């Protein structure tokens, strides 16, 4: 087992990474307020791991409330969030009940938001079961649900007590989900860790083959990068926004097509290519740099062309981005491969040219 820490003073917490950790309830016990927990999962992960995980907790003398949600980004909304609250209230869960998110990014985001708001705040723990959630969404305390006008627009910053990333559960992850997770892994190399990008480029075949050592290393190095950024800028006032490389374009794709049509990582991959193209238009990247960024995404089996929404629709959707300040769109771009910046320098014409060049006809 590998352990990292997210350093946030009295709210610091560990990230445990290793194989078989969902069968190690003793790692969870020190972070509980009472002997009662609510495990929230979805109807895809639940049949695979819910009873096994809950039985381990019950063997430690815990009372476990089980809550199963419908799977998918299309259900990351108020009605599904209310299903969590309904179940917690029906079971008479109090402020000492710890919520445990057993699932991917959608489950983790919704459970975190539920924990932040149920009885004005209860503890929660992340047990991420997808590569994307293990390397990104389970760490850092960003919780949210979607709105028809924009992705993740309603939520809260609320940190978990513990992140338990069991790399063995990635064996049951569909191939498309695995590739989508690699988009977020690649992102860390592009924005701040060039040696990690070089490591990824040399090991993509092993990662796609689910080599356990390669996956564990990728999860650890991704989490280390994210933990450092979160510790420096928890509520995204500056540096943390660089973690959103490709997300402004990508969120437009997800919202414009309808949530769930593209996986989040797929949209981020296409968005990262757009960000690279725009960075080249600003004179920051060379043609060779952009070709390199395209190549690593192609090798990972990720889309490199955005959805055909049209320039006007992209710009409309991007205007709802959380990085808009005083009506000005700020984008995460690349000053160099391995160095991201937040910039408002790109003109609407340049952004439009990038969208036209980088999207499907």
Protein backbone atom coordinates (compact mmCIF):
# COMPACT_ATOMS: atom_id res chain seq x y z
CA UNK A 1 0.00 0.00 0.00
CA UNK A 2 1.18 3.51 -0.88
CA UNK A 3 0.00 6.46 1.21
CA UNK A 4 -0.02 10.17 0.41
CA UNK A 5 -1.43 13.03 2.45
CA UNK A 6 -3.45 16.05 1.39
CA UNK A 7 -2.09 18.74 3.69
CA UNK A 8 -4.93 21.02 4.80
CA UNK A 9 -4.03 21.67 8.46
CA UNK A 10 -6.71 20.18 10.74
CA UNK A 11 -8.62 18.90 7.68
CA UNK A 12 -5.69 16.94 6.24
CA UNK A 13 -6.41 13.38 5.14
CA UNK A 14 -4.63 10.36 3.69
CA UNK A 15 -4.93 8.75 0.28
CA UNK A 16 -4.27 5.01 0.48
CA UNK A 17 -3.46 3.33 -2.86
CA UNK A 18 -3.11 -0.41 -3.33
CA UNK A 19 -4.65 -3.71 -4.38
CA UNK A 20 -7.44 -5.26 -2.30
CA UNK A 21 -8.13 -2.21 -0.12
CA UNK A 22 -11.92 -2.56 -0.26
CA UNK A 23 -11.33 -5.74 1.76
CA UNK A 24 -9.46 -3.80 4.46
CA UNK A 25 -12.19 -2.13 6.57
CA UNK A 26 -9.66 -1.59 9.36
CA UNK A 27 -8.29 1.28 7.28
CA UNK A 28 -11.67 3.03 7.51
CA UNK A 29 -12.42 2.56 11.21
CA UNK A 30 -10.15 5.34 12.55
CA UNK A 31 -12.01 7.93 10.46
CA UNK A 32 -15.55 7.21 11.68
CA UNK A 33 -17.37 9.36 14.22
CA UNK A 34 -19.80 6.59 15.21
CA UNK A 35 -20.41 2.93 14.38
CA UNK A 36 -22.90 3.82 11.66
CA UNK A 37 -22.15 4.40 7.98
CA UNK A 38 -24.15 4.82 4.79
CA UNK A 39 -22.54 3.29 1.69
CA UNK A 40 -23.77 4.94 -1.50
CA UNK A 41 -23.07 3.31 -4.85
CA UNK A 42 -24.77 2.85 -8.23
CA UNK A 43 -26.50 0.00 -10.01
CA UNK A 44 -23.35 -0.94 -11.97
CA UNK A 45 -20.78 -0.94 -9.17
CA UNK A 46 -23.26 -2.21 -6.58
CA UNK A 47 -23.65 -5.76 -7.93
CA UNK A 48 -19.87 -6.08 -8.14
CA UNK A 49 -18.72 -4.71 -4.81
CA UNK A 50 -21.46 -3.42 -2.48
CA UNK A 51 -22.21 -6.57 -0.50
CA UNK A 52 -18.56 -7.55 -0.29
CA UNK A 53 -17.61 -4.10 0.99
CA UNK A 54 -20.58 -3.77 3.35
CA UNK A 55 -20.04 -7.25 4.78
CA UNK A 56 -16.47 -6.33 5.67
CA UNK A 57 -17.68 -3.25 7.53
CA UNK A 58 -20.42 -5.21 9.31
CA UNK A 59 -17.84 -7.79 10.40
CA UNK A 60 -16.17 -4.91 12.26
CA UNK A 61 -19.39 -4.25 14.17
CA UNK A 62 -20.65 -1.38 12.03
CA UNK A 63 -24.25 -0.72 11.06
CA UNK A 64 -24.39 -0.19 7.30
CA UNK A 65 -27.15 1.62 5.41
CA UNK A 66 -27.05 0.70 1.71
CA UNK A 67 -28.11 3.22 -0.95
CA UNK A 68 -28.03 2.40 -4.68
CA UNK A 69 -28.40 5.11 -7.31
CA UNK A 70 -28.90 4.89 -11.08
CA UNK A 71 -25.62 4.95 -12.98
CA UNK A 72 -24.40 7.69 -15.26
CA UNK A 73 -23.75 11.39 -15.74
CA UNK A 74 -27.38 11.88 -16.80
CA UNK A 75 -28.40 11.17 -13.18
CA UNK A 76 -26.00 13.65 -11.56
CA UNK A 77 -28.89 15.96 -10.71
CA UNK A 78 -31.26 17.17 -7.99
CA UNK A 79 -33.73 14.26 -8.18
CA UNK A 80 -30.95 11.70 -7.71
CA UNK A 81 -29.36 13.77 -4.94
CA UNK A 82 -32.73 13.80 -3.20
CA UNK A 83 -32.78 10.00 -3.32
CA UNK A 84 -29.71 10.08 -1.08
CA UNK A 85 -31.40 12.48 1.35
CA UNK A 86 -34.62 10.43 1.31
CA UNK A 87 -32.73 7.26 2.20
CA UNK A 88 -30.68 8.95 4.94
CA UNK A 89 -33.77 10.46 6.53
CA UNK A 90 -35.76 7.23 6.26
CA UNK A 91 -32.92 5.41 8.05
CA UNK A 92 -32.75 8.20 10.68
CA UNK A 93 -29.10 8.88 9.95
CA UNK A 94 -27.75 11.58 12.25
CA UNK A 95 -24.76 13.93 12.17
CA UNK A 96 -22.45 11.17 13.30
CA UNK A 97 -23.20 8.95 10.29
CA UNK A 98 -20.32 8.78 7.82
CA UNK A 99 -21.24 8.65 4.15
CA UNK A 100 -19.03 6.41 2.00
CA UNK A 101 -18.95 6.92 -1.77
CA UNK A 102 -18.32 3.59 -3.50
CA UNK A 103 -18.13 4.32 -7.20
CA UNK A 104 -16.76 6.62 -9.87
CA UNK A 105 -16.73 10.37 -10.23
CA UNK A 106 -20.50 10.82 -10.43
CA UNK A 107 -21.10 8.90 -7.20
CA UNK A 108 -18.20 10.63 -5.47
CA UNK A 109 -19.33 14.12 -6.47
CA UNK A 110 -22.93 13.53 -5.40
CA UNK A 111 -22.08 11.84 -2.11
CA UNK A 112 -19.65 14.63 -1.27
CA UNK A 113 -22.30 17.25 -1.99
CA UNK A 114 -24.85 15.29 0.05
CA UNK A 115 -22.36 15.07 2.94
CA UNK A 116 -21.68 18.81 2.76
CA UNK A 117 -25.37 19.64 3.06
CA UNK A 118 -27.08 16.83 4.99
CA UNK A 119 -27.81 18.23 8.46
CA UNK A 120 -25.34 21.00 7.52
CA UNK A 121 -22.44 18.62 7.15
CA UNK A 122 -21.57 15.02 7.95
CA UNK A 123 -18.27 13.16 7.42
CA UNK A 124 -17.62 11.28 4.20
CA UNK A 125 -15.06 8.90 2.74
CA UNK A 126 -14.18 8.30 -0.90
CA UNK A 127 -13.72 4.74 -2.21
CA UNK A 128 -13.25 5.44 -5.94
CA UNK A 129 -13.73 2.55 -8.35
CA UNK A 130 -12.75 4.09 -11.73
CA UNK A 131 -9.35 5.25 -12.89
CA UNK A 132 -10.65 8.77 -13.43
CA UNK A 133 -12.02 9.03 -9.91
CA UNK A 134 -8.89 7.49 -8.37
CA UNK A 135 -6.53 9.93 -10.07
CA UNK A 136 -8.69 13.04 -9.93
CA UNK A 137 -12.25 13.51 -8.72
CA UNK A 138 -11.97 11.68 -5.37
CA UNK A 139 -9.16 13.99 -4.20
CA UNK A 140 -9.56 17.64 -3.36
CA UNK A 141 -13.11 18.08 -2.09
CA UNK A 142 -14.83 19.46 -5.20
CA UNK A 143 -18.41 18.19 -5.05
CA UNK A 144 -21.28 19.06 -7.36
CA UNK A 145 -24.27 18.17 -9.45
CA UNK A 146 -25.00 19.25 -13.02
CA UNK A 147 -27.49 21.81 -14.30
CA UNK A 148 -29.00 21.83 -17.81
CA UNK A 149 -27.02 25.02 -18.51
CA UNK A 150 -23.69 23.79 -17.22
CA UNK A 151 -21.74 20.92 -15.71
CA UNK A 152 -20.88 20.94 -11.99
CA UNK A 153 -22.46 24.36 -11.50
CA UNK A 154 -24.09 23.58 -8.13
CA UNK A 155 -21.89 22.21 -5.38
CA UNK A 156 -19.49 22.86 -2.54
CA UNK A 157 -15.86 22.48 -1.53
CA UNK A 158 -16.01 19.74 1.11
CA UNK A 159 -13.08 17.49 1.90
CA UNK A 160 -13.34 13.75 2.62
CA UNK A 161 -11.84 12.20 5.73
CA UNK A 162 -10.08 9.49 3.72
CA UNK A 163 -9.56 8.32 0.13
CA UNK A 164 -9.20 4.56 -0.37
CA UNK A 165 -8.12 3.75 -3.93
CA UNK A 166 -8.20 0.01 -4.60
CA UNK A 167 -6.34 -0.51 -7.87
CA UNK A 168 -7.57 -4.10 -8.10
CA UNK A 169 -11.14 -2.98 -8.85
CA UNK A 170 -9.84 -1.48 -12.11
CA UNK A 171 -9.78 -5.06 -13.42
CA UNK A 172 -13.56 -4.89 -13.87
CA UNK A 173 -13.55 -1.39 -15.41
CA UNK A 174 -14.85 -1.26 -19.01
CA UNK A 175 -12.11 -0.41 -21.51
CA UNK A 176 -13.79 2.84 -22.50
CA UNK A 177 -13.80 3.98 -18.86
CA UNK A 178 -10.14 3.03 -18.46
CA UNK A 179 -9.17 5.15 -21.47
CA UNK A 180 -11.29 8.04 -20.19
CA UNK A 181 -9.35 7.93 -16.93
CA UNK A 182 -6.07 8.15 -18.81
CA UNK A 183 -7.11 11.60 -20.06
CA UNK A 184 -6.83 12.93 -16.52
CA UNK A 185 -3.53 11.12 -15.97
CA UNK A 186 -2.08 12.71 -19.12
CA UNK A 187 -3.38 16.09 -17.95
CA UNK A 188 -1.03 16.18 -14.95
CA UNK A 189 1.96 15.71 -17.22
CA UNK A 190 0.79 18.47 -19.55
CA UNK A 191 0.10 21.07 -16.87
CA UNK A 192 2.94 20.66 -14.36
CA UNK A 193 4.96 17.44 -14.50
CA UNK A 194 6.88 16.92 -17.74
CA UNK A 195 8.83 13.90 -16.38
CA UNK A 196 5.48 12.25 -15.62
CA UNK A 197 4.32 12.90 -19.19
CA UNK A 198 7.48 11.22 -20.47
CA UNK A 199 6.81 8.30 -18.11
CA UNK A 200 3.24 8.01 -19.47
CA UNK A 201 4.40 8.11 -23.09
CA UNK A 202 6.80 5.24 -22.42
CA UNK A 203 4.21 3.10 -20.60
CA UNK A 204 0.89 3.64 -22.34
CA UNK A 205 0.85 0.04 -23.59
CA UNK A 206 1.29 -1.22 -20.02
CA UNK A 207 -1.39 1.12 -18.70
CA UNK A 208 -3.86 0.03 -21.37
CA UNK A 209 -3.04 -3.60 -20.55
CA UNK A 210 -3.84 -2.85 -16.87
CA UNK A 211 -0.39 -3.72 -15.63
CA UNK A 212 -0.93 -3.42 -11.85
CA UNK A 213 2.42 -1.80 -11.08
CA UNK A 214 2.03 0.76 -13.87
CA UNK A 215 -1.52 1.62 -12.78
CA UNK A 216 -0.51 1.97 -9.13
CA UNK A 217 2.35 4.28 -10.12
CA UNK A 218 0.06 6.35 -12.35
CA UNK A 219 -2.50 6.72 -9.57
CA UNK A 220 0.14 7.67 -7.02
CA UNK A 221 1.88 10.24 -9.21
CA UNK A 222 -1.43 11.77 -10.30
CA UNK A 223 -2.66 12.00 -6.71
CA UNK A 224 0.66 13.48 -5.59
CA UNK A 225 0.33 16.23 -8.18
CA UNK A 226 -3.26 16.95 -7.24
CA UNK A 227 -2.57 16.88 -3.51
CA UNK A 228 0.19 19.47 -3.92
CA UNK A 229 -2.06 21.79 -5.89
CA UNK A 230 -5.03 21.39 -3.53
CA UNK A 231 -2.84 22.05 -0.47
CA UNK A 232 -1.69 25.32 -2.05
CA UNK A 233 -5.10 26.48 -3.35
CA UNK A 234 -8.02 24.55 -1.88
CA UNK A 235 -10.88 26.69 -3.19
CA UNK A 236 -9.51 27.34 -6.68
CA UNK A 237 -8.53 30.99 -6.34
CA UNK A 238 -5.48 30.55 -8.56
CA UNK A 239 -3.22 27.56 -9.29
CA UNK A 240 -5.90 24.93 -8.74
CA UNK A 241 -7.75 26.16 -11.83
CA UNK A 242 -4.88 24.82 -13.96
CA UNK A 243 -6.17 21.32 -13.12
CA UNK A 244 -9.02 22.18 -15.49
CA UNK A 245 -6.94 21.96 -18.68
CA UNK A 246 -9.36 21.02 -21.45
CA UNK A 247 -12.36 21.21 -19.14
CA UNK A 248 -13.92 24.44 -20.44
CA UNK A 249 -14.11 23.05 -23.97
CA UNK A 250 -14.88 19.56 -22.60
CA UNK A 251 -17.74 20.68 -20.38
CA UNK A 252 -19.27 22.43 -23.40
CA UNK A 253 -19.20 19.09 -25.24
CA UNK A 254 -20.81 17.25 -22.32
CA UNK A 255 -23.52 19.86 -21.81
CA UNK A 256 -24.13 20.45 -25.51
CA UNK A 257 -24.52 16.78 -26.43
CA UNK A 258 -26.42 15.84 -23.27
CA UNK A 259 -24.79 14.47 -20.12
CA UNK A 260 -23.49 10.96 -20.60
CA UNK A 261 -23.20 10.98 -24.40
CA UNK A 262 -19.43 11.41 -24.05
CA UNK A 263 -17.57 10.29 -20.94
CA UNK A 264 -15.98 13.11 -18.98
CA UNK A 265 -12.44 11.97 -19.79
CA UNK A 266 -13.25 11.75 -23.48
CA UNK A 267 -14.49 15.34 -23.50
CA UNK A 268 -11.45 16.48 -21.51
CA UNK A 269 -9.14 14.81 -24.05
CA UNK A 270 -10.73 16.65 -26.98
CA UNK A 271 -10.70 19.83 -24.88
CA UNK A 272 -7.00 19.45 -24.15
CA UNK A 273 -6.28 19.28 -27.87
CA UNK A 274 -8.28 22.49 -28.36
CA UNK A 275 -6.35 24.15 -25.54
CA UNK A 276 -3.09 23.08 -27.16
CA UNK A 277 -4.19 24.39 -30.56
CA UNK A 278 -5.19 27.72 -29.02
CA UNK A 279 -1.87 27.90 -27.17
CA UNK A 280 -0.12 27.47 -30.53
CA UNK A 281 -2.17 30.32 -32.00
CA UNK A 282 -0.93 32.51 -29.15
CA UNK A 283 2.66 31.59 -29.99
CA UNK A 284 3.32 29.50 -26.89
CA UNK A 285 3.48 26.00 -28.39
CA UNK A 286 5.15 24.78 -31.56
CA UNK A 287 3.59 22.55 -34.19
CA UNK A 288 5.74 19.73 -32.81
CA UNK A 289 4.40 20.34 -29.28
CA UNK A 290 0.79 20.10 -30.47
CA UNK A 291 1.58 16.98 -32.52
CA UNK A 292 3.09 15.39 -29.41
CA UNK A 293 -0.03 16.17 -27.36
CA UNK A 294 -2.29 14.77 -30.08
CA UNK A 295 -0.12 11.66 -30.37
CA UNK A 296 -0.26 10.71 -26.68
CA UNK A 297 -4.05 11.03 -26.67
CA UNK A 298 -4.36 8.96 -29.85
CA UNK A 299 -2.11 6.28 -28.34
CA UNK A 300 -4.37 6.24 -25.27
CA UNK A 301 -7.38 5.59 -27.51
CA UNK A 302 -8.98 8.95 -26.75
CA UNK A 303 -10.87 11.30 -29.09
CA UNK A 304 -8.88 14.22 -30.41
CA UNK A 305 -11.69 15.99 -32.28
CA UNK A 306 -14.45 17.81 -30.45
CA UNK A 307 -18.17 17.36 -31.04
CA UNK A 308 -19.76 19.26 -33.98
CA UNK A 309 -21.69 21.81 -31.93
CA UNK A 310 -20.68 24.86 -33.96
CA UNK A 311 -18.67 27.89 -32.84
CA UNK A 312 -21.66 29.88 -31.58
CA UNK A 313 -22.93 27.02 -29.41
CA UNK A 314 -19.46 26.35 -27.96
CA UNK A 315 -19.01 30.01 -27.04
CA UNK A 316 -22.48 30.15 -25.49
CA UNK A 317 -21.84 27.09 -23.33
CA UNK A 318 -18.33 28.23 -22.41
CA UNK A 319 -19.73 31.54 -21.18
CA UNK A 320 -21.19 29.63 -18.21
CA UNK A 321 -17.76 28.34 -17.17
CA UNK A 322 -16.83 28.87 -13.51
CA UNK A 323 -13.57 30.57 -14.57
CA UNK A 324 -15.49 33.44 -16.19
CA UNK A 325 -14.68 36.61 -14.21
CA UNK A 326 -16.37 39.97 -14.82
CA UNK A 327 -17.79 38.58 -18.04
CA UNK A 328 -14.35 37.63 -19.34
CA UNK A 329 -13.64 34.02 -20.29
CA UNK A 330 -10.39 32.73 -18.83
CA UNK A 331 -8.96 29.49 -20.18
CA UNK A 332 -6.34 27.05 -18.98
CA UNK A 333 -3.70 27.04 -21.70
CA UNK A 334 -0.10 25.85 -22.06
CA UNK A 335 2.86 28.21 -22.03
CA UNK A 336 4.92 25.09 -22.67
CA UNK A 337 4.41 21.35 -22.48
CA UNK A 338 4.46 20.81 -18.73
CA UNK A 339 3.51 24.40 -17.77
CA UNK A 340 -0.11 25.57 -17.65
CA UNK A 341 -1.38 29.11 -17.16
CA UNK A 342 -4.79 30.73 -16.73
CA UNK A 343 -5.20 33.28 -19.48
CA UNK A 344 -7.76 35.67 -20.94
CA UNK A 345 -5.47 36.62 -23.83
CA UNK A 346 -7.21 34.61 -26.54
CA UNK A 347 -9.69 36.57 -28.63
CA UNK A 348 -13.12 35.29 -29.60
CA UNK A 349 -11.82 35.01 -33.16
CA UNK A 350 -8.88 32.84 -32.08
CA UNK A 351 -11.11 30.64 -29.94
CA UNK A 352 -13.54 30.30 -32.84
CA UNK A 353 -10.73 29.36 -35.21
CA UNK A 354 -9.58 26.66 -32.78
CA UNK A 355 -13.10 25.25 -32.49
CA UNK A 356 -13.47 25.14 -36.27
CA UNK A 357 -10.09 23.46 -36.69
CA UNK A 358 -10.43 20.94 -33.86
CA UNK A 359 -14.02 19.74 -34.11
CA UNK A 360 -15.81 17.20 -36.26
CA UNK A 361 -17.40 18.60 -39.39
